[in-house]
Amino acid sequence: MQKRSSYQIKKQILLKVKEKPATYAELERKVNTGYRTVKSNCEELKDYDFIEVEKTIDPANGRPSNVVKITKKGLKQLKK
């Protein structure tokens, strides 16, 4: 299997959170990559203001999680 570029992973993350907001763990499964990869790519996308990351507490288990949402700038970037 060919290794995907950082660009391809970021694009997949944007496409997934465009559908609906997702946690890092959900993105890890949907994008089929590791947690650290998702987290570092999300941090970079956040620096570009393509996404926002909201820290929340999961009501089911009380654990903190990071919910990733796409911004208007992120939507514009996807259209390119």
PDB file of N, CA and C in Angstrom:
ATOM      1  N   MET A   1       0.839  -1.191   0.000  1.00  0.00           N
ATOM      2  CA  MET A   1       0.000   0.000   0.000  1.00  0.00           C
ATOM      3  C   MET A   1       0.881   1.251   0.000  1.00  0.00           C
ATOM      4  N   GLN A   2       0.517   2.213  -0.805  1.00  0.00           N
ATOM      5  CA  GLN A   2       1.299   3.438  -0.915  1.00  0.00           C
ATOM      6  C   GLN A   2       1.009   4.372   0.262  1.00  0.00           C
ATOM      7  N   LYS A   3       2.054   5.000   0.772  1.00  0.00           N
ATOM      8  CA  LYS A   3       1.901   5.946   1.870  1.00  0.00           C
ATOM      9  C   LYS A   3       1.225   7.208   1.340  1.00  0.00           C
ATOM     10  N   ARG A   4       0.234   7.675   2.097  1.00  0.00           N
ATOM     11  CA  ARG A   4      -0.462   8.893   1.677  1.00  0.00           C
ATOM     12  C   ARG A   4       0.314  10.121   2.119  1.00  0.00           C
ATOM     13  N   SER A   5       0.185  11.179   1.344  1.00  0.00           N
ATOM     14  CA  SER A   5       0.867  12.425   1.701  1.00  0.00           C
ATOM     15  C   SER A   5       0.080  13.132   2.804  1.00  0.00           C
ATOM     16  N   SER A   6       0.748  14.032   3.472  1.00  0.00           N
ATOM     17  CA  SER A   6       0.129  14.832   4.521  1.00  0.00           C
ATOM     18  C   SER A   6      -1.046  15.624   3.935  1.00  0.00           C
ATOM     19  N   TYR A   7      -0.869  16.089   2.707  1.00  0.00           N
ATOM     20  CA  TYR A   7      -1.922  16.843   2.017  1.00  0.00           C
ATOM     21  C   TYR A   7      -3.183  15.991   1.856  1.00  0.00           C
ATOM     22  N   GLN A   8      -3.003  14.725   1.437  1.00  0.00           N
ATOM     23  CA  GLN A   8      -4.153  13.828   1.231  1.00  0.00           C
ATOM     24  C   GLN A   8      -4.885  13.569   2.543  1.00  0.00           C
ATOM     25  N   ILE A   9      -4.137  13.400   3.615  1.00  0.00           N
ATOM     26  CA  ILE A   9      -4.748  13.148   4.924  1.00  0.00           C
ATOM     27  C   ILE A   9      -5.534  14.379   5.380  1.00  0.00           C
ATOM     28  N   LYS A  10      -4.947  15.560   5.211  1.00  0.00           N
ATOM     29  CA  LYS A  10      -5.642  16.800   5.598  1.00  0.00           C
ATOM     30  C   LYS A  10      -6.930  16.966   4.798  1.00  0.00           C
ATOM     31  N   LYS A  11      -6.870  16.648   3.500  1.00  0.00           N
ATOM     32  CA  LYS A  11      -8.055  16.783   2.653  1.00  0.00           C
ATOM     33  C   LYS A  11      -9.149  15.818   3.128  1.00  0.00           C
ATOM     34  N   GLN A  12      -8.763  14.589   3.478  1.00  0.00           N
ATOM     35  CA  GLN A  12      -9.734  13.614   3.980  1.00  0.00           C
ATOM     36  C   GLN A  12     -10.359  14.081   5.290  1.00  0.00           C
ATOM     37  N   ILE A  13      -9.545  14.665   6.161  1.00  0.00           N
ATOM     38  CA  ILE A  13     -10.063  15.190   7.434  1.00  0.00           C
ATOM     39  C   ILE A  13     -11.098  16.273   7.148  1.00  0.00           C
ATOM     40  N   LEU A  14     -10.767  17.210   6.251  1.00  0.00           N
ATOM     41  CA  LEU A  14     -11.713  18.285   5.909  1.00  0.00           C
ATOM     42  C   LEU A  14     -13.010  17.727   5.332  1.00  0.00           C
ATOM     43  N   LEU A  15     -12.891  16.725   4.450  1.00  0.00           N
ATOM     44  CA  LEU A  15     -14.095  16.133   3.854  1.00  0.00           C
ATOM     45  C   LEU A  15     -14.979  15.469   4.907  1.00  0.00           C
ATOM     46  N   LYS A  16     -14.360  14.799   5.874  1.00  0.00           N
ATOM     47  CA  LYS A  16     -15.129  14.116   6.929  1.00  0.00           C
ATOM     48  C   LYS A  16     -15.824  15.106   7.849  1.00  0.00           C
ATOM     49  N   VAL A  17     -15.120  16.168   8.265  1.00  0.00           N
ATOM     50  CA  VAL A  17     -15.759  17.124   9.184  1.00  0.00           C
ATOM     51  C   VAL A  17     -16.717  18.066   8.456  1.00  0.00           C
ATOM     52  N   LYS A  18     -16.640  18.065   7.123  1.00  0.00           N
ATOM     53  CA  LYS A  18     -17.628  18.832   6.343  1.00  0.00           C
ATOM     54  C   LYS A  18     -18.996  18.153   6.496  1.00  0.00           C
ATOM     55  N   GLU A  19     -19.004  16.811   6.474  1.00  0.00           N
ATOM     56  CA  GLU A  19     -20.241  16.043   6.635  1.00  0.00           C
ATOM     57  C   GLU A  19     -20.846  16.292   8.010  1.00  0.00           C
ATOM     58  N   LYS A  20     -20.028  16.102   9.066  1.00  0.00           N
ATOM     59  CA  LYS A  20     -20.466  16.425  10.424  1.00  0.00           C
ATOM     60  C   LYS A  20     -19.250  16.481  11.338  1.00  0.00           C
ATOM     61  N   PRO A  21     -19.331  17.299  12.405  1.00  0.00           N
ATOM     62  CA  PRO A  21     -18.209  17.394  13.336  1.00  0.00           C
ATOM     63  C   PRO A  21     -17.832  16.013  13.886  1.00  0.00           C
ATOM     64  N   ALA A  22     -16.547  15.829  14.160  1.00  0.00           N
ATOM     65  CA  ALA A  22     -16.073  14.523  14.632  1.00  0.00           C
ATOM     66  C   ALA A  22     -14.951  14.699  15.646  1.00  0.00           C
ATOM     67  N   THR A  23     -14.787  13.711  16.514  1.00  0.00           N
ATOM     68  CA  THR A  23     -13.685  13.730  17.481  1.00  0.00           C
ATOM     69  C   THR A  23     -12.429  13.196  16.799  1.00  0.00           C
ATOM     70  N   TYR A  24     -11.276  13.385  17.450  1.00  0.00           N
ATOM     71  CA  TYR A  24     -10.027  12.842  16.917  1.00  0.00           C
ATOM     72  C   TYR A  24     -10.142  11.327  16.737  1.00  0.00           C
ATOM     73  N   ALA A  25     -10.748  10.654  17.726  1.00  0.00           N
ATOM     74  CA  ALA A  25     -10.868   9.190  17.662  1.00  0.00           C
ATOM     75  C   ALA A  25     -11.735   8.754  16.473  1.00  0.00           C
ATOM     76  N   GLU A  26     -12.827   9.484  16.225  1.00  0.00           N
ATOM     77  CA  GLU A  26     -13.686   9.163  15.075  1.00  0.00           C
ATOM     78  C   GLU A  26     -12.935   9.386  13.761  1.00  0.00           C
ATOM     79  N   LEU A  27     -12.191  10.489  13.702  1.00  0.00           N
ATOM     80  CA  LEU A  27     -11.411  10.783  12.488  1.00  0.00           C
ATOM     81  C   LEU A  27     -10.334   9.729  12.264  1.00  0.00           C
ATOM     82  N   GLU A  28      -9.758   9.245  13.346  1.00  0.00           N
ATOM     83  CA  GLU A  28      -8.734   8.207  13.259  1.00  0.00           C
ATOM     84  C   GLU A  28      -9.289   6.995  12.507  1.00  0.00           C
ATOM     85  N   ARG A  29     -10.528   6.609  12.832  1.00  0.00           N
ATOM     86  CA  ARG A  29     -11.157   5.467  12.152  1.00  0.00           C
ATOM     87  C   ARG A  29     -11.602   5.820  10.725  1.00  0.00           C
ATOM     88  N   LYS A  30     -12.229   6.977  10.564  1.00  0.00           N
ATOM     89  CA  LYS A  30     -12.763   7.366   9.247  1.00  0.00           C
ATOM     90  C   LYS A  30     -11.675   7.619   8.209  1.00  0.00           C
ATOM     91  N   VAL A  31     -10.546   8.198   8.652  1.00  0.00           N
ATOM     92  CA  VAL A  31      -9.456   8.533   7.732  1.00  0.00           C
ATOM     93  C   VAL A  31      -8.467   7.369   7.631  1.00  0.00           C
ATOM     94  N   ASN A  32      -8.631   6.405   8.540  1.00  0.00           N
ATOM     95  CA  ASN A  32      -7.794   5.201   8.559  1.00  0.00           C
ATOM     96  C   ASN A  32      -6.316   5.529   8.768  1.00  0.00           C
ATOM     97  N   THR A  33      -6.059   6.246   9.861  1.00  0.00           N
ATOM     98  CA  THR A  33      -4.693   6.603  10.226  1.00  0.00           C
ATOM     99  C   THR A  33      -4.583   6.662  11.745  1.00  0.00           C
ATOM    100  N   GLY A  34      -3.398   6.929  12.264  1.00  0.00           N
ATOM    101  CA  GLY A  34      -3.177   6.943  13.701  1.00  0.00           C
ATOM    102  C   GLY A  34      -3.646   8.217  14.381  1.00  0.00           C
ATOM    103  N   TYR A  35      -3.848   8.106  15.695  1.00  0.00           N
ATOM    104  CA  TYR A  35      -4.320   9.235  16.505  1.00  0.00           C
ATOM    105  C   TYR A  35      -3.363  10.421  16.419  1.00  0.00           C
ATOM    106  N   ARG A  36      -2.058  10.147  16.546  1.00  0.00           N
ATOM    107  CA  ARG A  36      -1.065  11.233  16.493  1.00  0.00           C
ATOM    108  C   ARG A  36      -1.081  11.939  15.148  1.00  0.00           C
ATOM    109  N   THR A  37      -1.259  11.172  14.079  1.00  0.00           N
ATOM    110  CA  THR A  37      -1.310  11.753  12.733  1.00  0.00           C
ATOM    111  C   THR A  37      -2.521  12.672  12.614  1.00  0.00           C
ATOM    112  N   VAL A  38      -3.672  12.197  13.102  1.00  0.00           N
ATOM    113  CA  VAL A  38      -4.900  13.008  13.068  1.00  0.00           C
ATOM    114  C   VAL A  38      -4.682  14.285  13.877  1.00  0.00           C
ATOM    115  N   LYS A  39      -4.156  14.134  15.085  1.00  0.00           N
ATOM    116  CA  LYS A  39      -3.972  15.286  15.972  1.00  0.00           C
ATOM    117  C   LYS A  39      -3.019  16.317  15.364  1.00  0.00           C
ATOM    118  N   SER A  40      -1.873  15.868  14.832  1.00  0.00           N
ATOM    119  CA  SER A  40      -0.905  16.824  14.272  1.00  0.00           C
ATOM    120  C   SER A  40      -1.453  17.510  13.015  1.00  0.00           C
ATOM    121  N   ASN A  41      -2.174  16.752  12.182  1.00  0.00           N
ATOM    122  CA  ASN A  41      -2.764  17.361  10.978  1.00  0.00           C
ATOM    123  C   ASN A  41      -3.863  18.345  11.353  1.00  0.00           C
ATOM    124  N   CYS A  42      -4.653  18.007  12.370  1.00  0.00           N
ATOM    125  CA  CYS A  42      -5.706  18.921  12.821  1.00  0.00           C
ATOM    126  C   CYS A  42      -5.103  20.199  13.391  1.00  0.00           C
ATOM    127  N   GLU A  43      -4.003  20.072  14.123  1.00  0.00           N
ATOM    128  CA  GLU A  43      -3.348  21.263  14.668  1.00  0.00           C
ATOM    129  C   GLU A  43      -2.864  22.176  13.546  1.00  0.00           C
ATOM    130  N   GLU A  44      -2.345  21.574  12.479  1.00  0.00           N
ATOM    131  CA  GLU A  44      -1.895  22.370  11.336  1.00  0.00           C
ATOM    132  C   GLU A  44      -3.086  23.031  10.627  1.00  0.00           C
ATOM    133  N   LEU A  45      -4.168  22.268  10.427  1.00  0.00           N
ATOM    134  CA  LEU A  45      -5.368  22.827   9.794  1.00  0.00           C
ATOM    135  C   LEU A  45      -5.949  23.964  10.649  1.00  0.00           C
ATOM    136  N   LYS A  46      -5.847  23.807  11.960  1.00  0.00           N
ATOM    137  CA  LYS A  46      -6.333  24.842  12.886  1.00  0.00           C
ATOM    138  C   LYS A  46      -5.490  26.105  12.749  1.00  0.00           C
ATOM    139  N   ASP A  47      -4.165  25.940  12.573  1.00  0.00           N
ATOM    140  CA  ASP A  47      -3.276  27.095  12.378  1.00  0.00           C
ATOM    141  C   ASP A  47      -3.649  27.877  11.122  1.00  0.00           C
ATOM    142  N   TYR A  48      -4.114  27.166  10.105  1.00  0.00           N
ATOM    143  CA  TYR A  48      -4.553  27.815   8.854  1.00  0.00           C
ATOM    144  C   TYR A  48      -5.988  28.313   8.942  1.00  0.00           C
ATOM    145  N   ASP A  49      -6.647  28.064  10.070  1.00  0.00           N
ATOM    146  CA  ASP A  49      -8.031  28.485  10.298  1.00  0.00           C
ATOM    147  C   ASP A  49      -9.021  27.752   9.391  1.00  0.00           C
ATOM    148  N   PHE A  50      -8.690  26.497   9.008  1.00  0.00           N
ATOM    149  CA  PHE A  50      -9.601  25.687   8.189  1.00  0.00           C
ATOM    150  C   PHE A  50     -10.568  24.894   9.066  1.00  0.00           C
ATOM    151  N   ILE A  51     -10.176  24.666  10.316  1.00  0.00           N
ATOM    152  CA  ILE A  51     -11.042  23.957  11.262  1.00  0.00           C
ATOM    153  C   ILE A  51     -10.964  24.651  12.609  1.00  0.00           C
ATOM    154  N   GLU A  52     -11.923  24.326  13.480  1.00  0.00           N
ATOM    155  CA  GLU A  52     -11.811  24.731  14.880  1.00  0.00           C
ATOM    156  C   GLU A  52     -11.962  23.473  15.723  1.00  0.00           C
ATOM    157  N   VAL A  53     -11.219  23.438  16.821  1.00  0.00           N
ATOM    158  CA  VAL A  53     -11.241  22.277  17.706  1.00  0.00           C
ATOM    159  C   VAL A  53     -11.827  22.724  19.040  1.00  0.00           C
ATOM    160  N   GLU A  54     -12.907  22.069  19.416  1.00  0.00           N
ATOM    161  CA  GLU A  54     -13.615  22.418  20.642  1.00  0.00           C
ATOM    162  C   GLU A  54     -13.416  21.309  21.668  1.00  0.00           C
ATOM    163  N   LYS A  55     -12.902  21.665  22.834  1.00  0.00           N
ATOM    164  CA  LYS A  55     -12.706  20.672  23.894  1.00  0.00           C
ATOM    165  C   LYS A  55     -14.042  20.466  24.613  1.00  0.00           C
ATOM    166  N   THR A  56     -14.491  19.214  24.674  1.00  0.00           N
ATOM    167  CA  THR A  56     -15.757  18.897  25.338  1.00  0.00           C
ATOM    168  C   THR A  56     -15.568  17.701  26.268  1.00  0.00           C
ATOM    169  N   ILE A  57     -16.573  17.472  27.116  1.00  0.00           N
ATOM    170  CA  ILE A  57     -16.573  16.299  27.995  1.00  0.00           C
ATOM    171  C   ILE A  57     -17.659  15.360  27.478  1.00  0.00           C
ATOM    172  N   ASP A  58     -17.275  14.127  27.195  1.00  0.00           N
ATOM    173  CA  ASP A  58     -18.217  13.121  26.698  1.00  0.00           C
ATOM    174  C   ASP A  58     -19.214  12.790  27.809  1.00  0.00           C
ATOM    175  N   PRO A  59     -20.518  13.049  27.569  1.00  0.00           N
ATOM    176  CA  PRO A  59     -21.505  12.781  28.627  1.00  0.00           C
ATOM    177  C   PRO A  59     -21.627  11.293  28.979  1.00  0.00           C
ATOM    178  N   ALA A  60     -21.310  10.419  28.053  1.00  0.00           N
ATOM    179  CA  ALA A  60     -21.442   8.981  28.288  1.00  0.00           C
ATOM    180  C   ALA A  60     -20.416   8.460  29.286  1.00  0.00           C
ATOM    181  N   ASN A  61     -19.148   8.908  29.140  1.00  0.00           N
ATOM    182  CA  ASN A  61     -18.109   8.359  30.014  1.00  0.00           C
ATOM    183  C   ASN A  61     -17.337   9.418  30.805  1.00  0.00           C
ATOM    184  N   GLY A  62     -17.668  10.689  30.614  1.00  0.00           N
ATOM    185  CA  GLY A  62     -17.022  11.752  31.375  1.00  0.00           C
ATOM    186  C   GLY A  62     -15.609  12.085  30.937  1.00  0.00           C
ATOM    187  N   ARG A  63     -15.179  11.514  29.827  1.00  0.00           N
ATOM    188  CA  ARG A  63     -13.812  11.771  29.330  1.00  0.00           C
ATOM    189  C   ARG A  63     -13.787  13.018  28.462  1.00  0.00           C
ATOM    190  N   PRO A  64     -12.675  13.756  28.527  1.00  0.00           N
ATOM    191  CA  PRO A  64     -12.562  14.909  27.637  1.00  0.00           C
ATOM    192  C   PRO A  64     -12.304  14.450  26.199  1.00  0.00           C
ATOM    193  N   SER A  65     -12.845  15.176  25.263  1.00  0.00           N
ATOM    194  CA  SER A  65     -12.564  14.872  23.857  1.00  0.00           C
ATOM    195  C   SER A  65     -12.495  16.173  23.073  1.00  0.00           C
ATOM    196  N   ASN A  66     -11.894  16.094  21.895  1.00  0.00           N
ATOM    197  CA  ASN A  66     -11.751  17.258  21.023  1.00  0.00           C
ATOM    198  C   ASN A  66     -12.657  17.076  19.821  1.00  0.00           C
ATOM    199  N   VAL A  67     -13.615  17.976  19.659  1.00  0.00           N
ATOM    200  CA  VAL A  67     -14.531  17.901  18.524  1.00  0.00           C
ATOM    201  C   VAL A  67     -14.043  18.855  17.444  1.00  0.00           C
ATOM    202  N   VAL A  68     -13.854  18.307  16.240  1.00  0.00           N
ATOM    203  CA  VAL A  68     -13.324  19.072  15.117  1.00  0.00           C
ATOM    204  C   VAL A  68     -14.484  19.519  14.223  1.00  0.00           C
ATOM    205  N   LYS A  69     -14.520  20.826  13.920  1.00  0.00           N
ATOM    206  CA  LYS A  69     -15.549  21.387  13.043  1.00  0.00           C
ATOM    207  C   LYS A  69     -14.866  22.181  11.943  1.00  0.00           C
ATOM    208  N   ILE A  70     -15.461  22.169  10.766  1.00  0.00           N
ATOM    209  CA  ILE A  70     -14.890  22.917   9.637  1.00  0.00           C
ATOM    210  C   ILE A  70     -15.327  24.380   9.716  1.00  0.00           C
ATOM    211  N   THR A  71     -14.460  25.285   9.262  1.00  0.00           N
ATOM    212  CA  THR A  71     -14.792  26.716   9.243  1.00  0.00           C
ATOM    213  C   THR A  71     -15.178  27.118   7.815  1.00  0.00           C
ATOM    214  N   LYS A  72     -15.643  28.350   7.650  1.00  0.00           N
ATOM    215  CA  LYS A  72     -15.984  28.849   6.311  1.00  0.00           C
ATOM    216  C   LYS A  72     -14.741  28.845   5.415  1.00  0.00           C
ATOM    217  N   LYS A  73     -13.612  29.217   6.001  1.00  0.00           N
ATOM    218  CA  LYS A  73     -12.359  29.210   5.238  1.00  0.00           C
ATOM    219  C   LYS A  73     -12.008  27.796   4.787  1.00  0.00           C
ATOM    220  N   GLY A  74     -12.272  26.814   5.644  1.00  0.00           N
ATOM    221  CA  GLY A  74     -12.027  25.410   5.305  1.00  0.00           C
ATOM    222  C   GLY A  74     -12.920  24.935   4.177  1.00  0.00           C
ATOM    223  N   LEU A  75     -14.171  25.361   4.181  1.00  0.00           N
ATOM    224  CA  LEU A  75     -15.107  25.010   3.107  1.00  0.00           C
ATOM    225  C   LEU A  75     -14.641  25.605   1.784  1.00  0.00           C
ATOM    226  N   LYS A  76     -14.173  26.862   1.818  1.00  0.00           N
ATOM    227  CA  LYS A  76     -13.653  27.495   0.603  1.00  0.00           C
ATOM    228  C   LYS A  76     -12.451  26.730   0.062  1.00  0.00           C
ATOM    229  N   GLN A  77     -11.571  26.304   0.974  1.00  0.00           N
ATOM    230  CA  GLN A  77     -10.376  25.573   0.578  1.00  0.00           C
ATOM    231  C   GLN A  77     -10.740  24.264  -0.128  1.00  0.00           C
ATOM    232  N   LEU A  78     -11.781  23.593   0.354  1.00  0.00           N
ATOM    233  CA  LEU A  78     -12.195  22.321  -0.260  1.00  0.00           C
ATOM    234  C   LEU A  78     -12.708  22.501  -1.688  1.00  0.00           C
ATOM    235  N   LYS A  79     -13.282  23.667  -1.981  1.00  0.00           N
ATOM    236  CA  LYS A  79     -13.841  23.922  -3.314  1.00  0.00           C
ATOM    237  C   LYS A  79     -12.774  24.130  -4.371  1.00  0.00           C
ATOM    238  N   LYS A  80     -11.533  24.417  -3.927  1.00  0.00           N
ATOM    239  CA  LYS A  80     -10.439  24.679  -4.872  1.00  0.00           C
ATOM    240  C   LYS A  80     -10.029  23.424  -5.618  1.00  0.00           C
TER     241      LYS A  80
END
